[in-house]
């Protein structure tokens, strides 16, 4: 774990698409030099089409644009959608593009799950919000609850450097190097950025090379250091043994530990295992709140009065052991307090607190199923390291009408 704390940042919490999309689209509309954007999901709906429009407009006025999407998360973009971006010079990169096998998507594991935007090297966005209409309340009961941050200050240079390293390494098809190398040049870039706020912050990534456990380690260190409170809101919560041990220890030493989790998990194994997970945590004094208003997609947390994190990483086997993820970790009292207020509002108005008596008792086959699912899910992060690792391949997006040209030496 080699992340560096950088002082002097201004970091603003953005809640849901209503706050996130207008800010990102406005910054892209004002871009003069460059836009680098990574996302797991880009759908061709009203949000994706609005992004499409602002990217095309920026490219036409000479802005260099690199758009990276995941081959599993964004599989159904039309030739017209992609081709019109390529026509104006947008460089589209696809992580792990694999053709369907008998109609099934087989590139399920090790996804590019990051959501990052850097504009002109001056402003960055990091979080969990994808470019799809289901992040807006008017989508209906299935609209997602989620978060991102807008960043100004010296940390932007670090995020900017990381996005370019990811592009370069991906197209060379090599295993990730330590992206903070050449520290002198990074340090010079950071020193050239003005201090604009009070937040110290760091970008923490998870990859399949040198940073396989960094995000989880930051969580565990912060939980171990907590003396007053731990609040975690996470859509898919099934961490490994060490993470669970730190939570139980914190609660037993008197820390107010609260979890905001999905009321209706969408994976059957999680539903089965949750009963034992809840029993283990409640028995140690952890308070659990199920978010019932709509699907929870957030990946945020805070500890005590200063530490907070917002990012793309769930606390489950996929995010902790397989996916490419990015979180920003922040030390700032003002940000921590604002996030705490928003999460406490969620718990008061949109959550149901789980009580021990609500769980009932487990008997027979139900007990066996819960036990097996619980221990499989918690041990899976360790087992996942045995699975084959994708080198983070990036390929240029192609449309059917462009492939013949490219195959005969045409320019991208």
Protein backbone atom coordinates (compact mmCIF):
# COMPACT_ATOMS: atom_id res chain seq x y z
CA UNK A 1 0.00 0.00 0.00
CA UNK A 2 1.92 3.03 -1.30
CA UNK A 3 -0.66 5.83 -1.66
CA UNK A 4 0.45 9.36 -0.78
CA UNK A 5 -1.54 11.94 1.16
CA UNK A 6 -1.78 15.25 -0.69
CA UNK A 7 -2.82 18.43 1.11
CA UNK A 8 -4.81 21.45 -0.02
CA UNK A 9 -7.80 20.01 -1.88
CA UNK A 10 -11.39 21.15 -2.15
CA UNK A 11 -13.66 18.08 -2.31
CA UNK A 12 -17.43 18.22 -2.73
CA UNK A 13 -19.83 15.33 -2.20
CA UNK A 14 -22.23 14.70 -5.10
CA UNK A 15 -25.29 12.59 -4.29
CA UNK A 16 -27.05 10.70 -7.07
CA UNK A 17 -27.31 11.60 -10.73
CA UNK A 18 -29.23 14.80 -10.00
CA UNK A 19 -26.06 16.36 -8.56
CA UNK A 20 -23.43 14.39 -10.46
CA UNK A 21 -24.47 14.58 -14.12
CA UNK A 22 -24.99 18.37 -14.36
CA UNK A 23 -21.54 19.02 -12.84
CA UNK A 24 -19.70 16.54 -15.09
CA UNK A 25 -21.49 17.66 -18.24
CA UNK A 26 -20.92 21.34 -17.44
CA UNK A 27 -17.20 20.78 -16.89
CA UNK A 28 -16.90 18.83 -20.15
CA UNK A 29 -18.81 21.62 -21.93
CA UNK A 30 -16.20 24.09 -20.63
CA UNK A 31 -13.18 21.89 -21.38
CA UNK A 32 -10.49 23.52 -23.50
CA UNK A 33 -7.78 20.83 -23.76
CA UNK A 34 -8.58 17.33 -22.58
CA UNK A 35 -11.19 14.97 -21.13
CA UNK A 36 -10.22 11.53 -19.77
CA UNK A 37 -13.22 9.45 -18.74
CA UNK A 38 -13.46 5.89 -17.40
CA UNK A 39 -16.76 4.16 -16.62
CA UNK A 40 -18.02 0.65 -16.07
CA UNK A 41 -21.47 1.30 -17.57
CA UNK A 42 -22.43 3.61 -20.42
CA UNK A 43 -25.95 3.04 -21.71
CA UNK A 44 -27.53 4.56 -24.78
CA UNK A 45 -30.36 6.14 -22.77
CA UNK A 46 -31.11 9.78 -21.99
CA UNK A 47 -28.03 10.12 -19.76
CA UNK A 48 -25.69 8.35 -22.18
CA UNK A 49 -27.02 10.43 -25.07
CA UNK A 50 -26.42 13.65 -23.14
CA UNK A 51 -22.83 12.56 -22.44
CA UNK A 52 -22.53 11.67 -26.12
CA UNK A 53 -23.60 15.19 -27.12
CA UNK A 54 -21.21 17.04 -24.81
CA UNK A 55 -18.29 14.82 -25.85
CA UNK A 56 -18.96 15.40 -29.54
CA UNK A 57 -19.25 19.16 -28.99
CA UNK A 58 -15.97 19.20 -27.05
CA UNK A 59 -14.17 17.11 -29.67
CA UNK A 60 -15.34 19.42 -32.45
CA UNK A 61 -13.73 22.40 -30.77
CA UNK A 62 -10.42 20.54 -30.52
CA UNK A 63 -10.55 18.91 -27.08
CA UNK A 64 -8.67 15.62 -26.89
CA UNK A 65 -10.99 12.95 -25.46
CA UNK A 66 -10.18 9.46 -24.19
CA UNK A 67 -13.24 7.42 -23.21
CA UNK A 68 -12.72 4.02 -21.57
CA UNK A 69 -15.65 1.63 -21.08
CA UNK A 70 -15.85 -1.92 -19.78
CA UNK A 71 -16.63 -4.69 -22.26
CA UNK A 72 -19.00 -6.41 -19.82
CA UNK A 73 -20.67 -3.34 -18.36
CA UNK A 74 -21.25 -1.49 -21.65
CA UNK A 75 -21.88 -4.24 -24.22
CA UNK A 76 -24.76 -2.90 -26.30
CA UNK A 77 -23.74 0.51 -27.67
CA UNK A 78 -24.83 0.91 -31.29
CA UNK A 79 -22.50 1.45 -34.24
CA UNK A 80 -24.02 4.90 -34.74
CA UNK A 81 -23.32 5.86 -31.11
CA UNK A 82 -19.69 4.72 -31.25
CA UNK A 83 -19.06 5.71 -34.85
CA UNK A 84 -20.22 9.30 -34.41
CA UNK A 85 -17.78 9.71 -31.51
CA UNK A 86 -14.90 8.19 -33.48
CA UNK A 87 -15.75 10.41 -36.48
CA UNK A 88 -15.01 13.58 -34.46
CA UNK A 89 -11.80 12.17 -33.01
CA UNK A 90 -12.90 10.69 -29.68
CA UNK A 91 -10.61 7.80 -28.77
CA UNK A 92 -12.76 5.00 -27.35
CA UNK A 93 -11.03 2.22 -25.42
CA UNK A 94 -12.78 -1.00 -24.41
CA UNK A 95 -11.55 -3.05 -21.46
CA UNK A 96 -11.68 -6.79 -22.13
CA UNK A 97 -13.94 -6.80 -25.21
CA UNK A 98 -15.09 -10.39 -25.66
CA UNK A 99 -17.67 -11.65 -28.12
CA UNK A 100 -20.69 -13.44 -26.70
CA UNK A 101 -20.64 -17.22 -26.66
CA UNK A 102 -24.04 -18.62 -27.66
CA UNK A 103 -25.58 -15.34 -26.53
CA UNK A 104 -23.86 -15.34 -23.13
CA UNK A 105 -21.33 -12.77 -21.94
CA UNK A 106 -18.27 -14.68 -20.73
CA UNK A 107 -16.10 -11.75 -19.59
CA UNK A 108 -17.68 -11.76 -16.13
CA UNK A 109 -14.62 -11.65 -13.88
CA UNK A 110 -12.02 -8.91 -13.37
CA UNK A 111 -14.03 -5.99 -14.69
CA UNK A 112 -12.86 -2.40 -15.16
CA UNK A 113 -15.22 -1.05 -12.50
CA UNK A 114 -13.68 2.43 -11.97
CA UNK A 115 -15.63 5.66 -12.51
CA UNK A 116 -13.17 8.54 -13.04
CA UNK A 117 -13.27 11.78 -15.02
CA UNK A 118 -10.40 14.29 -15.34
CA UNK A 119 -10.97 17.51 -17.27
CA UNK A 120 -8.13 19.78 -18.40
CA UNK A 121 -6.04 18.42 -15.51
CA UNK A 122 -7.91 20.89 -13.30
CA UNK A 123 -10.99 19.06 -11.99
CA UNK A 124 -11.62 15.37 -11.33
CA UNK A 125 -14.60 13.22 -10.40
CA UNK A 126 -14.30 9.84 -8.64
CA UNK A 127 -17.13 7.69 -7.33
CA UNK A 128 -19.65 4.98 -8.02
CA UNK A 129 -22.06 6.63 -10.47
CA UNK A 130 -22.29 5.22 -13.99
CA UNK A 131 -23.69 6.97 -17.09
CA UNK A 132 -27.19 5.54 -17.11
CA UNK A 133 -30.69 6.84 -16.42
CA UNK A 134 -31.17 4.52 -13.44
CA UNK A 135 -29.10 6.95 -11.37
CA UNK A 136 -31.93 9.53 -11.61
CA UNK A 137 -34.98 9.52 -9.32
CA UNK A 138 -37.41 9.80 -12.22
CA UNK A 139 -36.32 6.30 -13.31
CA UNK A 140 -38.75 5.05 -10.70
CA UNK A 141 -38.50 2.48 -7.87
CA UNK A 142 -35.35 0.95 -9.40
CA UNK A 143 -33.42 4.26 -9.36
CA UNK A 144 -30.11 3.88 -7.53
CA UNK A 145 -28.80 5.69 -4.45
CA UNK A 146 -25.13 6.54 -5.04
CA UNK A 147 -22.31 9.04 -4.53
CA UNK A 148 -19.32 10.68 -6.20
CA UNK A 149 -16.93 13.51 -5.40
CA UNK A 150 -15.80 16.56 -7.34
CA UNK A 151 -12.14 17.37 -6.68
CA UNK A 152 -10.15 20.58 -7.15
CA UNK A 153 -6.55 21.00 -6.04
CA UNK A 154 -3.24 19.13 -6.10
CA UNK A 155 -4.81 15.64 -5.99
CA UNK A 156 -6.17 16.20 -9.51
CA UNK A 157 -2.64 15.96 -10.93
CA UNK A 158 -2.19 12.55 -9.29
CA UNK A 159 -5.49 11.27 -10.66
CA UNK A 160 -4.64 12.69 -14.09
CA UNK A 161 -1.30 10.88 -14.06
CA UNK A 162 -2.96 7.61 -13.06
CA UNK A 163 -5.52 7.73 -15.90
CA UNK A 164 -2.76 8.23 -18.47
CA UNK A 165 -0.67 5.43 -17.00
CA UNK A 166 -3.72 3.14 -17.17
CA UNK A 167 -4.24 3.98 -20.85
CA UNK A 168 -0.57 3.47 -21.74
CA UNK A 169 -0.23 0.20 -19.85
CA UNK A 170 -3.53 -1.16 -21.11
CA UNK A 171 -2.62 -0.68 -24.76
CA UNK A 172 0.80 -2.30 -24.21
CA UNK A 173 -1.00 -5.35 -22.75
CA UNK A 174 1.41 -5.53 -19.84
CA UNK A 175 0.82 -6.25 -16.20
CA UNK A 176 0.28 -3.04 -14.20
CA UNK A 177 3.42 -1.35 -12.98
CA UNK A 178 3.61 0.81 -9.88
CA UNK A 179 1.85 3.86 -11.23
CA UNK A 180 3.42 6.21 -8.70
CA UNK A 181 6.93 5.61 -10.14
CA UNK A 182 8.91 8.63 -11.34
CA UNK A 183 7.98 10.29 -8.08
CA UNK A 184 9.98 13.43 -8.89
CA UNK A 185 7.78 14.27 -11.87
CA UNK A 186 4.64 13.52 -9.88
CA UNK A 187 5.88 15.70 -7.05
CA UNK A 188 6.64 18.57 -9.41
CA UNK A 189 3.16 18.34 -10.94
CA UNK A 190 1.55 18.33 -7.53
CA UNK A 191 3.58 21.30 -6.32
CA UNK A 192 2.52 23.21 -9.42
CA UNK A 193 -1.16 22.91 -8.46
CA UNK A 194 -2.46 25.57 -6.07
CA UNK A 195 -3.87 24.66 -2.67
CA UNK A 196 -7.58 25.48 -2.82
CA UNK A 197 -9.05 23.78 0.24
CA UNK A 198 -8.52 22.08 3.57
CA UNK A 199 -8.76 18.41 2.59
CA UNK A 200 -5.84 16.00 2.58
CA UNK A 201 -6.65 13.13 0.22
CA UNK A 202 -5.23 10.18 -1.65
CA UNK A 203 -6.26 8.08 -4.65
CA UNK A 204 -6.30 4.38 -3.79
CA UNK A 205 -6.73 1.76 -6.49
CA UNK A 206 -7.21 -2.01 -6.67
CA UNK A 207 -5.67 -3.81 -9.62
CA UNK A 208 -4.37 -7.26 -10.45
CA UNK A 209 -0.73 -6.29 -9.99
CA UNK A 210 0.88 -4.31 -7.17
CA UNK A 211 -2.35 -2.97 -5.60
CA UNK A 212 -4.48 -6.04 -5.06
CA UNK A 213 -5.47 -5.29 -1.45
CA UNK A 214 -4.89 -1.55 -1.03
CA UNK A 215 -8.50 -0.39 -0.67
CA UNK A 216 -9.37 -3.07 1.88
CA UNK A 217 -6.17 -2.33 3.85
CA UNK A 218 -7.07 1.36 4.10
CA UNK A 219 -10.50 0.42 5.43
CA UNK A 220 -9.06 -1.98 8.01
CA UNK A 221 -6.45 0.50 9.24
CA UNK A 222 -9.11 3.21 9.67
CA UNK A 223 -11.48 0.85 11.51
CA UNK A 224 -8.65 -0.26 13.79
CA UNK A 225 -7.86 3.37 14.61
CA UNK A 226 -11.49 4.43 15.16
CA UNK A 227 -12.44 5.55 18.66
CA UNK A 228 -15.89 7.12 18.21
CA UNK A 229 -17.77 6.01 15.11
CA UNK A 230 -17.67 3.91 11.97
CA UNK A 231 -20.41 4.33 9.36
CA UNK A 232 -20.22 2.27 6.17
CA UNK A 233 -22.80 2.44 3.36
CA UNK A 234 -22.07 -0.27 0.82
CA UNK A 235 -24.23 -1.93 -1.78
CA UNK A 236 -22.58 -5.35 -1.73
CA UNK A 237 -21.16 -6.11 1.70
CA UNK A 238 -19.39 -9.44 2.14
CA UNK A 239 -15.76 -8.73 3.11
CA UNK A 240 -13.27 -11.32 4.29
CA UNK A 241 -12.41 -12.52 7.79
CA UNK A 242 -9.89 -9.80 8.65
CA UNK A 243 -12.28 -7.00 7.75
CA UNK A 244 -15.09 -8.59 9.77
CA UNK A 245 -12.77 -9.10 12.72
CA UNK A 246 -11.85 -5.39 12.77
CA UNK A 247 -15.54 -4.40 12.73
CA UNK A 248 -16.38 -6.70 15.64
CA UNK A 249 -13.38 -5.54 17.64
CA UNK A 250 -14.29 -1.89 17.09
CA UNK A 251 -17.87 -2.45 18.26
CA UNK A 252 -16.69 -4.39 21.34
CA UNK A 253 -14.35 -1.59 22.40
CA UNK A 254 -17.27 0.85 22.37
CA UNK A 255 -17.07 2.35 18.87
CA UNK A 256 -20.47 3.20 17.34
CA UNK A 257 -20.34 0.91 14.30
CA UNK A 258 -23.22 1.24 11.83
CA UNK A 259 -23.70 -0.42 8.45
CA UNK A 260 -26.14 0.72 5.74
CA UNK A 261 -26.77 -2.24 3.45
CA UNK A 262 -29.18 -3.20 0.70
CA UNK A 263 -32.57 -4.26 1.98
CA UNK A 264 -33.07 -6.56 -1.00
CA UNK A 265 -29.76 -8.01 -2.26
CA UNK A 266 -30.00 -9.06 -5.91
CA UNK A 267 -27.75 -12.14 -5.59
CA UNK A 268 -29.35 -15.29 -4.14
CA UNK A 269 -26.19 -16.40 -2.32
CA UNK A 270 -26.03 -13.04 -0.53
CA UNK A 271 -29.64 -13.38 0.63
CA UNK A 272 -28.93 -16.83 2.01
CA UNK A 273 -25.67 -15.85 3.70
CA UNK A 274 -26.97 -12.55 5.11
CA UNK A 275 -28.77 -14.20 8.02
CA UNK A 276 -25.49 -15.51 9.47
CA UNK A 277 -23.62 -12.32 8.57
CA UNK A 278 -26.21 -10.29 10.48
CA UNK A 279 -26.10 -12.60 13.49
CA UNK A 280 -22.31 -12.38 13.69
CA UNK A 281 -22.25 -8.58 13.51
CA UNK A 282 -25.26 -7.90 15.72
CA UNK A 283 -23.81 -10.22 18.36
CA UNK A 284 -20.71 -8.00 18.52
CA UNK A 285 -22.76 -4.80 18.87
CA UNK A 286 -22.71 -3.60 15.25
CA UNK A 287 -25.91 -1.82 14.20
CA UNK A 288 -27.29 -2.72 10.78
CA UNK A 289 -29.69 -0.62 8.71
CA UNK A 290 -31.30 -1.89 5.54
CA UNK A 291 -31.92 0.77 2.91
CA UNK A 292 -35.43 0.11 1.61
CA UNK A 293 -36.30 3.20 -0.43
CA UNK A 294 -34.69 2.00 -3.69
CA UNK A 295 -31.58 0.02 -4.71
CA UNK A 296 -28.47 1.07 -2.83
CA UNK A 297 -25.44 1.44 -5.10
CA UNK A 298 -23.22 3.56 -2.84
CA UNK A 299 -19.67 2.78 -1.73
CA UNK A 300 -18.91 5.34 0.99
CA UNK A 301 -17.71 5.29 4.59
CA UNK A 302 -16.50 7.52 7.40
CA UNK A 303 -14.52 6.96 10.61
CA UNK A 304 -14.48 9.32 13.60
CA UNK A 305 -14.37 13.05 12.70
CA UNK A 306 -11.95 13.28 9.74
CA UNK A 307 -11.57 10.09 7.67
CA UNK A 308 -13.95 9.36 4.78
CA UNK A 309 -13.93 7.50 1.49
CA UNK A 310 -16.00 7.63 -1.71
CA UNK A 311 -15.36 5.42 -4.71
CA UNK A 312 -16.27 2.50 -6.92
CA UNK A 313 -15.29 -0.38 -4.65
CA UNK A 314 -17.91 -2.53 -3.01
CA UNK A 315 -16.87 -4.60 0.00
CA UNK A 316 -17.48 -7.93 -1.65
CA UNK A 317 -15.35 -10.58 -3.39
CA UNK A 318 -15.66 -9.05 -6.87
CA UNK A 319 -14.46 -5.59 -5.84
CA UNK A 320 -11.91 -6.68 -3.23
CA UNK A 321 -10.30 -9.46 -5.25
CA UNK A 322 -11.13 -9.24 -8.95
CA UNK A 323 -12.22 -5.85 -10.32
CA UNK A 324 -10.21 -2.75 -11.15
CA UNK A 325 -11.42 -0.14 -8.64
CA UNK A 326 -10.65 3.41 -7.49
CA UNK A 327 -11.53 5.20 -4.24
CA UNK A 328 -10.60 8.61 -2.92
CA UNK A 329 -9.82 8.69 0.79
CA UNK A 330 -10.25 12.05 2.46
CA UNK A 331 -9.11 13.58 5.74
CA UNK A 332 -11.24 16.65 6.32
CA UNK A 333 -13.63 17.51 9.16
CA UNK A 334 -16.02 19.47 6.98
CA UNK A 335 -16.38 16.70 4.39
CA UNK A 336 -16.69 14.03 7.08
CA UNK A 337 -19.43 15.99 8.86
CA UNK A 338 -21.40 16.55 5.65
CA UNK A 339 -21.21 12.88 4.68
CA UNK A 340 -22.24 11.90 8.20
CA UNK A 341 -25.29 14.18 8.00
CA UNK A 342 -26.34 12.67 4.67
CA UNK A 343 -25.92 9.09 5.91
CA UNK A 344 -27.76 9.78 9.16
CA UNK A 345 -30.60 11.30 7.13
CA UNK A 346 -30.68 8.07 5.12
CA UNK A 347 -30.82 5.96 8.27
CA UNK A 348 -33.59 8.05 9.84
CA UNK A 349 -35.85 8.36 6.82
CA UNK A 350 -35.11 5.56 4.36
CA UNK A 351 -33.84 2.60 6.38
CA UNK A 352 -35.09 -0.10 8.67
CA UNK A 353 -32.84 -1.06 11.58
CA UNK A 354 -32.37 -4.82 11.81
CA UNK A 355 -33.01 -6.27 15.25
CA UNK A 356 -31.84 -9.68 16.45
CA UNK A 357 -35.42 -10.83 16.98
CA UNK A 358 -36.22 -10.01 13.33
CA UNK A 359 -33.92 -12.80 12.19
CA UNK A 360 -35.78 -15.67 13.78
CA UNK A 361 -33.97 -18.98 14.15
CA UNK A 362 -32.28 -21.24 11.65
CA UNK A 363 -32.97 -24.96 11.58
CA UNK A 364 -32.05 -27.97 9.52
CA UNK A 365 -31.31 -27.44 5.84
CA UNK A 366 -31.76 -23.66 6.15
CA UNK A 367 -29.00 -23.56 8.79
CA UNK A 368 -26.67 -25.66 6.62
CA UNK A 369 -27.31 -23.51 3.52
CA UNK A 370 -26.72 -20.27 5.42
CA UNK A 371 -23.54 -21.63 7.02
CA UNK A 372 -22.07 -22.80 3.69
CA UNK A 373 -23.04 -19.62 1.83
CA UNK A 374 -21.74 -17.39 4.62
CA UNK A 375 -18.32 -19.04 4.84
CA UNK A 376 -17.96 -19.41 1.07
CA UNK A 377 -18.71 -15.72 0.56
CA UNK A 378 -16.31 -14.59 3.28
CA UNK A 379 -13.48 -16.88 2.17
CA UNK A 380 -13.89 -16.11 -1.50
CA UNK A 381 -11.58 -13.05 -1.50
CA UNK A 382 -8.67 -15.32 -0.54
CA UNK A 383 -9.64 -18.01 -3.03
CA UNK A 384 -10.08 -15.46 -5.84
CA UNK A 385 -6.34 -14.89 -5.98
CA UNK A 386 -6.03 -18.38 -7.46
CA UNK A 387 -8.14 -17.45 -10.48
CA UNK A 388 -6.45 -16.43 -13.76
CA UNK A 389 -5.65 -12.72 -13.87
CA UNK A 390 -6.56 -10.55 -16.79
CA UNK A 391 -3.82 -8.30 -18.02
CA UNK A 392 -5.79 -5.03 -18.32
CA UNK A 393 -6.25 -5.10 -22.07
CA UNK A 394 -7.63 -2.04 -23.80
CA UNK A 395 -8.67 -2.17 -27.44
CA UNK A 396 -10.04 0.61 -29.64
CA UNK A 397 -13.78 0.46 -30.13
CA UNK A 398 -14.76 -0.51 -33.66
CA UNK A 399 -17.98 -0.33 -35.60
CA UNK A 400 -18.90 -2.66 -38.43
CA UNK A 401 -18.41 0.10 -40.98
CA UNK A 402 -14.94 0.97 -39.63
CA UNK A 403 -13.46 -2.54 -39.37
CA UNK A 404 -12.71 -2.97 -43.11
CA UNK A 405 -10.89 0.38 -43.18
CA UNK A 406 -8.83 -0.42 -40.09
CA UNK A 407 -8.01 -3.93 -41.30
CA UNK A 408 -6.49 -2.41 -44.45
CA UNK A 409 -4.29 0.08 -42.70
CA UNK A 410 -6.70 2.96 -42.27
CA UNK A 411 -6.32 5.36 -39.40
CA UNK A 412 -8.41 5.06 -36.26
